[in-house]
Amino acid sequence: MKYNEISHFSHQHKLKFEHTKFPFKCDGCHEVGIGSLYKCTTCDYDLHLHCALPATTISHPFYTKCSFQLLARPPGSIQRYCNACGKDVTGFVYHCKSCGFDLHPCCAKLPRMLDDGEVKLYLYRKVSVPCHRCGRTGRSWSYRSECKKYNLDVACVKDMLVESWHDYLCGGNNKEFRTRIPSLKGTLQTYHQKSKGKVQKCCEMAGLAVQFVASAVLGDPTTMIAGIIGSLMSK
């Protein structure tokens, strides 16, 4: 359930529900976001929906014996990482005390299936085929298409977004340039060098896959946000 205005334990001011077409850094989990958010109109403070309206305790089908509790910061003094994407955990986190697993709030809420009418993508904890982006196997959770032609690591999609938006998130002013997302075209051409038509079709379909996985990773797995992601992708 969404509310137009909320109070949040992490901030002294009221937060209002908004939409943005530009990337932001969530002040809760410290991960990148786009689309729906809760924002402080008094100061520069933004939260993903999953960080603004979190469940205090969750379970996850990939870890059936675990109970994850929301913490405002990682427990202990050692560096921790998310078991979904492999990235550092520095802010809000779902932590299982019994097994020590950690999940970013947005990673914990990744949809098990993404469907835009063209491509169906299913979330797996482990896959035995390499990622289209990095060529590695088992780096992180992955989205794999129903036809099994496209496999994208959640970690790789995060890399694409963070690398593309680093300067923007650090204060860059040229939004048109700094929000570009690299496409998979160059990578996928190595898979289909003999057929230009096949390259084009594969790139189109993989482009749709990237759009929807990126929107889910950014905390807003909706068709509208996937369309925005598509408009920001390099050709």
C-alpha atoms as a PDB file:
ATOM      1  CA  MET A   1       0.000   0.000   0.000  1.00  0.00           C
ATOM      2  CA  LYS A   2       1.273   3.446  -0.927  1.00  0.00           C
ATOM      3  CA  TYR A   3       0.600   6.651   1.025  1.00  0.00           C
ATOM      4  CA  ASN A   4       0.980  10.228  -0.209  1.00  0.00           C
ATOM      5  CA  GLU A   5       2.900  11.216   2.917  1.00  0.00           C
ATOM      6  CA  ILE A   6       4.621   9.195   5.638  1.00  0.00           C
ATOM      7  CA  SER A   7       6.746   9.523   8.749  1.00  0.00           C
ATOM      8  CA  HIS A   8       9.867   7.342   8.806  1.00  0.00           C
ATOM      9  CA  PHE A   9      12.110   6.256  11.665  1.00  0.00           C
ATOM     10  CA  SER A  10      15.244   7.261   9.724  1.00  0.00           C
ATOM     11  CA  HIS A  11      14.324  10.916   9.118  1.00  0.00           C
ATOM     12  CA  GLN A  12      12.987  13.849  11.099  1.00  0.00           C
ATOM     13  CA  HIS A  13      10.740  15.292   8.365  1.00  0.00           C
ATOM     14  CA  LYS A  14       7.673  13.975   6.568  1.00  0.00           C
ATOM     15  CA  LEU A  15       8.353  12.166   3.284  1.00  0.00           C
ATOM     16  CA  LYS A  16       6.126  12.591   0.230  1.00  0.00           C
ATOM     17  CA  PHE A  17       5.452  10.050  -2.489  1.00  0.00           C
ATOM     18  CA  GLU A  18       6.858  11.101  -5.900  1.00  0.00           C
ATOM     19  CA  HIS A  19       7.997   9.768  -9.278  1.00  0.00           C
ATOM     20  CA  THR A  20      11.301  10.647 -10.910  1.00  0.00           C
ATOM     21  CA  LYS A  21      12.716   9.882 -14.357  1.00  0.00           C
ATOM     22  CA  PHE A  22      16.243  10.457 -13.115  1.00  0.00           C
ATOM     23  CA  PRO A  23      18.382   8.224 -10.892  1.00  0.00           C
ATOM     24  CA  PHE A  24      18.711   8.880  -7.187  1.00  0.00           C
ATOM     25  CA  LYS A  25      20.685   7.336  -4.363  1.00  0.00           C
ATOM     26  CA  CYS A  26      18.486   5.915  -1.635  1.00  0.00           C
ATOM     27  CA  ASP A  27      19.437   7.291   1.769  1.00  0.00           C
ATOM     28  CA  GLY A  28      18.199   4.107   3.405  1.00  0.00           C
ATOM     29  CA  CYS A  29      20.024   1.249   1.678  1.00  0.00           C
ATOM     30  CA  HIS A  30      22.493   3.507  -0.219  1.00  0.00           C
ATOM     31  CA  GLU A  31      21.630   1.785  -3.503  1.00  0.00           C
ATOM     32  CA  VAL A  32      20.561   3.413  -6.786  1.00  0.00           C
ATOM     33  CA  GLY A  33      16.888   3.965  -7.561  1.00  0.00           C
ATOM     34  CA  ILE A  34      14.573   5.447 -10.172  1.00  0.00           C
ATOM     35  CA  GLY A  35      10.820   5.868 -10.520  1.00  0.00           C
ATOM     36  CA  SER A  36       8.698   5.748  -7.361  1.00  0.00           C
ATOM     37  CA  LEU A  37      10.207   7.077  -4.137  1.00  0.00           C
ATOM     38  CA  TYR A  38       9.486   8.911  -0.921  1.00  0.00           C
ATOM     39  CA  LYS A  39      11.213  12.277  -0.783  1.00  0.00           C
ATOM     40  CA  CYS A  40      11.784  14.960   1.822  1.00  0.00           C
ATOM     41  CA  THR A  41      10.828  18.337   0.362  1.00  0.00           C
ATOM     42  CA  THR A  42      12.738  20.130   3.135  1.00  0.00           C
ATOM     43  CA  CYS A  43      16.119  18.517   2.571  1.00  0.00           C
ATOM     44  CA  ASP A  44      17.759  16.119   0.138  1.00  0.00           C
ATOM     45  CA  TYR A  45      16.569  12.760   1.481  1.00  0.00           C
ATOM     46  CA  ASP A  46      15.171   9.969  -0.707  1.00  0.00           C
ATOM     47  CA  LEU A  47      13.972   6.426  -0.036  1.00  0.00           C
ATOM     48  CA  HIS A  48      13.031   3.518  -2.277  1.00  0.00           C
ATOM     49  CA  LEU A  49       9.485   2.315  -1.710  1.00  0.00           C
ATOM     50  CA  HIS A  50      10.908  -0.887  -0.230  1.00  0.00           C
ATOM     51  CA  CYS A  51      12.972   1.150   2.247  1.00  0.00           C
ATOM     52  CA  ALA A  52      10.204   3.648   3.007  1.00  0.00           C
ATOM     53  CA  LEU A  53       7.486   1.040   3.640  1.00  0.00           C
ATOM     54  CA  PRO A  54       9.402  -2.052   4.735  1.00  0.00           C
ATOM     55  CA  ALA A  55       8.186  -5.179   6.426  1.00  0.00           C
ATOM     56  CA  THR A  56      10.097  -5.633   9.669  1.00  0.00           C
ATOM     57  CA  THR A  57      10.502  -9.380   9.079  1.00  0.00           C
ATOM     58  CA  ILE A  58      10.421 -11.321   5.811  1.00  0.00           C
ATOM     59  CA  SER A  59      11.038 -14.828   4.478  1.00  0.00           C
ATOM     60  CA  HIS A  60      12.423 -15.692   1.056  1.00  0.00           C
ATOM     61  CA  PRO A  61      11.769 -18.780  -1.102  1.00  0.00           C
ATOM     62  CA  PHE A  62      15.484 -19.114  -1.893  1.00  0.00           C
ATOM     63  CA  TYR A  63      16.284 -19.453   1.824  1.00  0.00           C
ATOM     64  CA  THR A  64      13.436 -21.468   3.309  1.00  0.00           C
ATOM     65  CA  LYS A  65      15.077 -21.907   6.721  1.00  0.00           C
ATOM     66  CA  CYS A  66      15.852 -18.200   7.168  1.00  0.00           C
ATOM     67  CA  SER A  67      13.977 -15.368   8.824  1.00  0.00           C
ATOM     68  CA  PHE A  68      15.230 -11.947   7.721  1.00  0.00           C
ATOM     69  CA  GLN A  69      14.844  -8.917   9.980  1.00  0.00           C
ATOM     70  CA  LEU A  70      15.166  -5.325   8.819  1.00  0.00           C
ATOM     71  CA  LEU A  71      18.145  -3.508  10.298  1.00  0.00           C
ATOM     72  CA  ALA A  72      19.015   0.166   9.841  1.00  0.00           C
ATOM     73  CA  ARG A  73      22.676  -0.754   9.399  1.00  0.00           C
ATOM     74  CA  PRO A  74      24.718  -3.927   8.873  1.00  0.00           C
ATOM     75  CA  PRO A  75      25.397  -5.894  12.067  1.00  0.00           C
ATOM     76  CA  GLY A  76      28.873  -6.283  13.471  1.00  0.00           C
ATOM     77  CA  SER A  77      32.120  -4.625  12.472  1.00  0.00           C
ATOM     78  CA  ILE A  78      33.103  -6.647   9.383  1.00  0.00           C
ATOM     79  CA  GLN A  79      32.127  -5.690   5.837  1.00  0.00           C
ATOM     80  CA  ARG A  80      28.986  -7.495   4.689  1.00  0.00           C
ATOM     81  CA  TYR A  81      27.630  -8.180   1.217  1.00  0.00           C
ATOM     82  CA  CYS A  82      24.219  -8.914  -0.267  1.00  0.00           C
ATOM     83  CA  ASN A  83      23.657 -12.592  -1.036  1.00  0.00           C
ATOM     84  CA  ALA A  84      21.503 -11.653  -4.032  1.00  0.00           C
ATOM     85  CA  CYS A  85      23.744  -9.243  -5.952  1.00  0.00           C
ATOM     86  CA  GLY A  86      27.093  -9.676  -4.224  1.00  0.00           C
ATOM     87  CA  LYS A  87      27.426  -5.919  -3.614  1.00  0.00           C
ATOM     88  CA  ASP A  88      28.441  -4.309  -0.322  1.00  0.00           C
ATOM     89  CA  VAL A  89      25.778  -3.702   2.303  1.00  0.00           C
ATOM     90  CA  THR A  90      26.184  -0.258   3.864  1.00  0.00           C
ATOM     91  CA  GLY A  91      22.674   0.797   4.900  1.00  0.00           C
ATOM     92  CA  PHE A  92      19.249  -0.770   5.444  1.00  0.00           C
ATOM     93  CA  VAL A  93      19.495  -4.526   5.186  1.00  0.00           C
ATOM     94  CA  TYR A  94      17.442  -7.662   5.737  1.00  0.00           C
ATOM     95  CA  HIS A  95      19.612  -9.889   7.922  1.00  0.00           C
ATOM     96  CA  CYS A  96      19.156 -13.480   9.016  1.00  0.00           C
ATOM     97  CA  LYS A  97      20.782 -13.848  12.431  1.00  0.00           C
ATOM     98  CA  SER A  98      20.893 -17.651  12.376  1.00  0.00           C
ATOM     99  CA  CYS A  99      22.709 -18.057   9.038  1.00  0.00           C
ATOM    100  CA  GLY A 100      24.288 -14.630   8.531  1.00  0.00           C
ATOM    101  CA  PHE A 101      22.719 -14.000   5.110  1.00  0.00           C
ATOM    102  CA  ASP A 102      22.032 -10.407   4.047  1.00  0.00           C
ATOM    103  CA  LEU A 103      19.761  -8.913   1.387  1.00  0.00           C
ATOM    104  CA  HIS A 104      19.367  -5.344   0.180  1.00  0.00           C
ATOM    105  CA  PRO A 105      15.674  -4.366   0.547  1.00  0.00           C
ATOM    106  CA  CYS A 106      15.247  -4.078  -3.241  1.00  0.00           C
ATOM    107  CA  CYS A 107      17.039  -7.382  -3.814  1.00  0.00           C
ATOM    108  CA  ALA A 108      14.838  -9.061  -1.224  1.00  0.00           C
ATOM    109  CA  LYS A 109      11.798  -7.868  -3.168  1.00  0.00           C
ATOM    110  CA  LEU A 110      12.980  -8.824  -6.662  1.00  0.00           C
ATOM    111  CA  PRO A 111      10.001 -10.372  -8.514  1.00  0.00           C
ATOM    112  CA  ARG A 112      10.295 -14.093  -9.193  1.00  0.00           C
ATOM    113  CA  MET A 113       8.985 -13.474 -12.725  1.00  0.00           C
ATOM    114  CA  LEU A 114       9.033 -10.456 -15.051  1.00  0.00           C
ATOM    115  CA  ASP A 115       6.696 -10.402 -18.048  1.00  0.00           C
ATOM    116  CA  ASP A 116       6.254  -7.533 -20.516  1.00  0.00           C
ATOM    117  CA  GLY A 117       4.260  -9.528 -23.074  1.00  0.00           C
ATOM    118  CA  GLU A 118       7.357 -10.178 -25.203  1.00  0.00           C
ATOM    119  CA  VAL A 119       9.830 -11.765 -22.820  1.00  0.00           C
ATOM    120  CA  LYS A 120       9.271 -13.749 -19.628  1.00  0.00           C
ATOM    121  CA  LEU A 121      12.194 -13.704 -17.217  1.00  0.00           C
ATOM    122  CA  TYR A 122      12.507 -15.958 -14.192  1.00  0.00           C
ATOM    123  CA  LEU A 123      14.671 -15.272 -11.161  1.00  0.00           C
ATOM    124  CA  TYR A 124      17.124 -18.026 -10.161  1.00  0.00           C
ATOM    125  CA  ARG A 125      19.469 -18.286  -7.222  1.00  0.00           C
ATOM    126  CA  LYS A 126      21.921 -20.275  -9.349  1.00  0.00           C
ATOM    127  CA  VAL A 127      22.163 -21.016 -13.066  1.00  0.00           C
ATOM    128  CA  SER A 128      24.588 -23.246 -14.954  1.00  0.00           C
ATOM    129  CA  VAL A 129      24.909 -21.008 -18.014  1.00  0.00           C
ATOM    130  CA  PRO A 130      27.049 -17.842 -18.372  1.00  0.00           C
ATOM    131  CA  CYS A 131      25.672 -14.341 -18.103  1.00  0.00           C
ATOM    132  CA  HIS A 132      25.298 -12.551 -21.455  1.00  0.00           C
ATOM    133  CA  ARG A 133      27.013  -9.497 -20.030  1.00  0.00           C
ATOM    134  CA  CYS A 134      30.073 -10.839 -18.193  1.00  0.00           C
ATOM    135  CA  GLY A 135      30.314 -14.443 -19.422  1.00  0.00           C
ATOM    136  CA  ARG A 136      30.650 -15.720 -15.865  1.00  0.00           C
ATOM    137  CA  THR A 137      28.532 -18.353 -14.129  1.00  0.00           C
ATOM    138  CA  GLY A 138      27.144 -18.178 -10.601  1.00  0.00           C
ATOM    139  CA  ARG A 139      28.238 -14.627  -9.840  1.00  0.00           C
ATOM    140  CA  SER A 140      24.884 -13.664  -8.320  1.00  0.00           C
ATOM    141  CA  TRP A 141      21.179 -14.302  -8.639  1.00  0.00           C
ATOM    142  CA  SER A 142      20.157 -14.225 -12.291  1.00  0.00           C
ATOM    143  CA  TYR A 143      17.171 -13.565 -14.499  1.00  0.00           C
ATOM    144  CA  ARG A 144      16.832 -16.137 -17.282  1.00  0.00           C
ATOM    145  CA  SER A 145      14.354 -15.948 -20.126  1.00  0.00           C
ATOM    146  CA  GLU A 146      11.677 -18.583 -20.607  1.00  0.00           C
ATOM    147  CA  CYS A 147      13.286 -19.508 -23.941  1.00  0.00           C
ATOM    148  CA  LYS A 148      16.644 -19.875 -22.101  1.00  0.00           C
ATOM    149  CA  LYS A 149      18.440 -17.631 -24.612  1.00  0.00           C
ATOM    150  CA  TYR A 150      19.077 -14.718 -22.259  1.00  0.00           C
ATOM    151  CA  ASN A 151      20.660 -14.847 -18.853  1.00  0.00           C
ATOM    152  CA  LEU A 152      21.483 -11.679 -16.922  1.00  0.00           C
ATOM    153  CA  ASP A 153      23.193 -11.532 -13.554  1.00  0.00           C
ATOM    154  CA  VAL A 154      21.607  -9.124 -11.108  1.00  0.00           C
ATOM    155  CA  ALA A 155      25.172  -8.060 -10.274  1.00  0.00           C
ATOM    156  CA  CYS A 156      25.893  -7.170 -13.909  1.00  0.00           C
ATOM    157  CA  VAL A 157      22.764  -5.076 -14.280  1.00  0.00           C
ATOM    158  CA  LYS A 158      23.743  -3.184 -11.131  1.00  0.00           C
ATOM    159  CA  ASP A 159      27.243  -2.668 -12.541  1.00  0.00           C
ATOM    160  CA  MET A 160      25.822  -1.239 -15.760  1.00  0.00           C
ATOM    161  CA  LEU A 161      23.656   1.222 -13.864  1.00  0.00           C
ATOM    162  CA  VAL A 162      26.206   2.332 -11.286  1.00  0.00           C
ATOM    163  CA  GLU A 163      29.012   2.733 -13.844  1.00  0.00           C
ATOM    164  CA  SER A 164      26.782   4.757 -16.147  1.00  0.00           C
ATOM    165  CA  TRP A 165      25.353   6.947 -13.409  1.00  0.00           C
ATOM    166  CA  HIS A 166      28.366   7.370 -11.131  1.00  0.00           C
ATOM    167  CA  ASP A 167      29.176  10.924 -12.180  1.00  0.00           C
ATOM    168  CA  TYR A 168      25.513  11.931 -12.142  1.00  0.00           C
ATOM    169  CA  LEU A 169      24.971  10.531  -8.642  1.00  0.00           C
ATOM    170  CA  CYS A 170      28.143  12.270  -7.488  1.00  0.00           C
ATOM    171  CA  GLY A 171      26.869  15.661  -8.601  1.00  0.00           C
ATOM    172  CA  GLY A 172      27.117  15.759 -12.401  1.00  0.00           C
ATOM    173  CA  ASN A 173      24.836  18.254 -14.110  1.00  0.00           C
ATOM    174  CA  ASN A 174      24.525  16.869 -17.641  1.00  0.00           C
ATOM    175  CA  LYS A 175      21.572  14.528 -17.125  1.00  0.00           C
ATOM    176  CA  GLU A 176      21.101  13.677 -20.802  1.00  0.00           C
ATOM    177  CA  PHE A 177      24.657  12.390 -21.034  1.00  0.00           C
ATOM    178  CA  ARG A 178      25.277  10.975 -17.603  1.00  0.00           C
ATOM    179  CA  THR A 179      22.174   8.829 -17.363  1.00  0.00           C
ATOM    180  CA  ARG A 180      22.964   6.716 -20.425  1.00  0.00           C
ATOM    181  CA  ILE A 181      22.953   2.950 -19.875  1.00  0.00           C
ATOM    182  CA  PRO A 182      25.252   0.797 -22.031  1.00  0.00           C
ATOM    183  CA  SER A 183      23.423  -1.668 -24.254  1.00  0.00           C
ATOM    184  CA  LEU A 184      24.271  -5.331 -24.685  1.00  0.00           C
ATOM    185  CA  LYS A 185      24.690  -5.070 -28.441  1.00  0.00           C
ATOM    186  CA  GLY A 186      28.480  -5.282 -28.521  1.00  0.00           C
ATOM    187  CA  THR A 187      28.487  -8.196 -26.116  1.00  0.00           C
ATOM    188  CA  LEU A 188      25.770 -10.140 -27.904  1.00  0.00           C
ATOM    189  CA  GLN A 189      27.375  -9.790 -31.342  1.00  0.00           C
ATOM    190  CA  THR A 190      29.991 -12.312 -30.267  1.00  0.00           C
ATOM    191  CA  TYR A 191      27.197 -14.867 -29.871  1.00  0.00           C
ATOM    192  CA  HIS A 192      25.700 -14.342 -33.331  1.00  0.00           C
ATOM    193  CA  GLN A 193      28.460 -13.232 -35.689  1.00  0.00           C
ATOM    194  CA  LYS A 194      27.110 -15.138 -38.705  1.00  0.00           C
ATOM    195  CA  SER A 195      23.655 -13.614 -38.934  1.00  0.00           C
ATOM    196  CA  LYS A 196      22.985  -9.878 -38.841  1.00  0.00           C
ATOM    197  CA  GLY A 197      19.258 -10.490 -38.584  1.00  0.00           C
ATOM    198  CA  LYS A 198      19.763 -12.752 -35.642  1.00  0.00           C
ATOM    199  CA  VAL A 199      21.997 -10.178 -33.973  1.00  0.00           C
ATOM    200  CA  GLN A 200      19.368  -7.481 -34.375  1.00  0.00           C
ATOM    201  CA  LYS A 201      16.536  -9.642 -33.060  1.00  0.00           C
ATOM    202  CA  CYS A 202      18.608 -10.940 -30.181  1.00  0.00           C
ATOM    203  CA  CYS A 203      19.666  -7.422 -29.223  1.00  0.00           C
ATOM    204  CA  GLU A 204      16.091  -6.212 -29.334  1.00  0.00           C
ATOM    205  CA  MET A 205      14.893  -9.002 -27.096  1.00  0.00           C
ATOM    206  CA  ALA A 206      17.869  -8.711 -24.743  1.00  0.00           C
ATOM    207  CA  GLY A 207      17.279  -4.971 -24.617  1.00  0.00           C
ATOM    208  CA  LEU A 208      13.769  -5.628 -23.334  1.00  0.00           C
ATOM    209  CA  ALA A 209      15.223  -8.023 -20.776  1.00  0.00           C
ATOM    210  CA  VAL A 210      17.691  -5.403 -19.536  1.00  0.00           C
ATOM    211  CA  GLN A 211      14.918  -2.806 -19.255  1.00  0.00           C
ATOM    212  CA  PHE A 212      12.777  -4.969 -17.035  1.00  0.00           C
ATOM    213  CA  VAL A 213      15.580  -6.411 -14.915  1.00  0.00           C
ATOM    214  CA  ALA A 214      16.975  -2.904 -14.393  1.00  0.00           C
ATOM    215  CA  SER A 215      13.597  -1.552 -13.318  1.00  0.00           C
ATOM    216  CA  ALA A 216      13.269  -4.404 -10.793  1.00  0.00           C
ATOM    217  CA  VAL A 217      16.805  -3.883  -9.466  1.00  0.00           C
ATOM    218  CA  LEU A 218      16.069  -0.163  -9.061  1.00  0.00           C
ATOM    219  CA  GLY A 219      13.100  -0.911  -6.850  1.00  0.00           C
ATOM    220  CA  ASP A 220      10.234  -0.150  -9.246  1.00  0.00           C
ATOM    221  CA  PRO A 221       9.442  -3.162 -11.488  1.00  0.00           C
ATOM    222  CA  THR A 222       6.727  -1.487 -13.543  1.00  0.00           C
ATOM    223  CA  THR A 223       6.150  -1.149 -17.270  1.00  0.00           C
ATOM    224  CA  MET A 224       6.374   2.634 -17.003  1.00  0.00           C
ATOM    225  CA  ILE A 225       9.806   2.560 -15.356  1.00  0.00           C
ATOM    226  CA  ALA A 226      11.024  -0.131 -17.760  1.00  0.00           C
ATOM    227  CA  GLY A 227      10.083   2.255 -20.588  1.00  0.00           C
ATOM    228  CA  ILE A 228      12.110   5.030 -18.978  1.00  0.00           C
ATOM    229  CA  ILE A 229      15.065   2.661 -18.631  1.00  0.00           C
ATOM    230  CA  GLY A 230      14.682   1.802 -22.325  1.00  0.00           C
ATOM    231  CA  SER A 231      14.800   5.495 -23.280  1.00  0.00           C
ATOM    232  CA  LEU A 232      18.059   5.857 -21.353  1.00  0.00           C
ATOM    233  CA  MET A 233      19.780   2.881 -22.981  1.00  0.00           C
ATOM    234  CA  SER A 234      22.564   3.467 -25.470  1.00  0.00           C
ATOM    235  CA  LYS A 235      21.758   2.323 -28.994  1.00  0.00           C
END
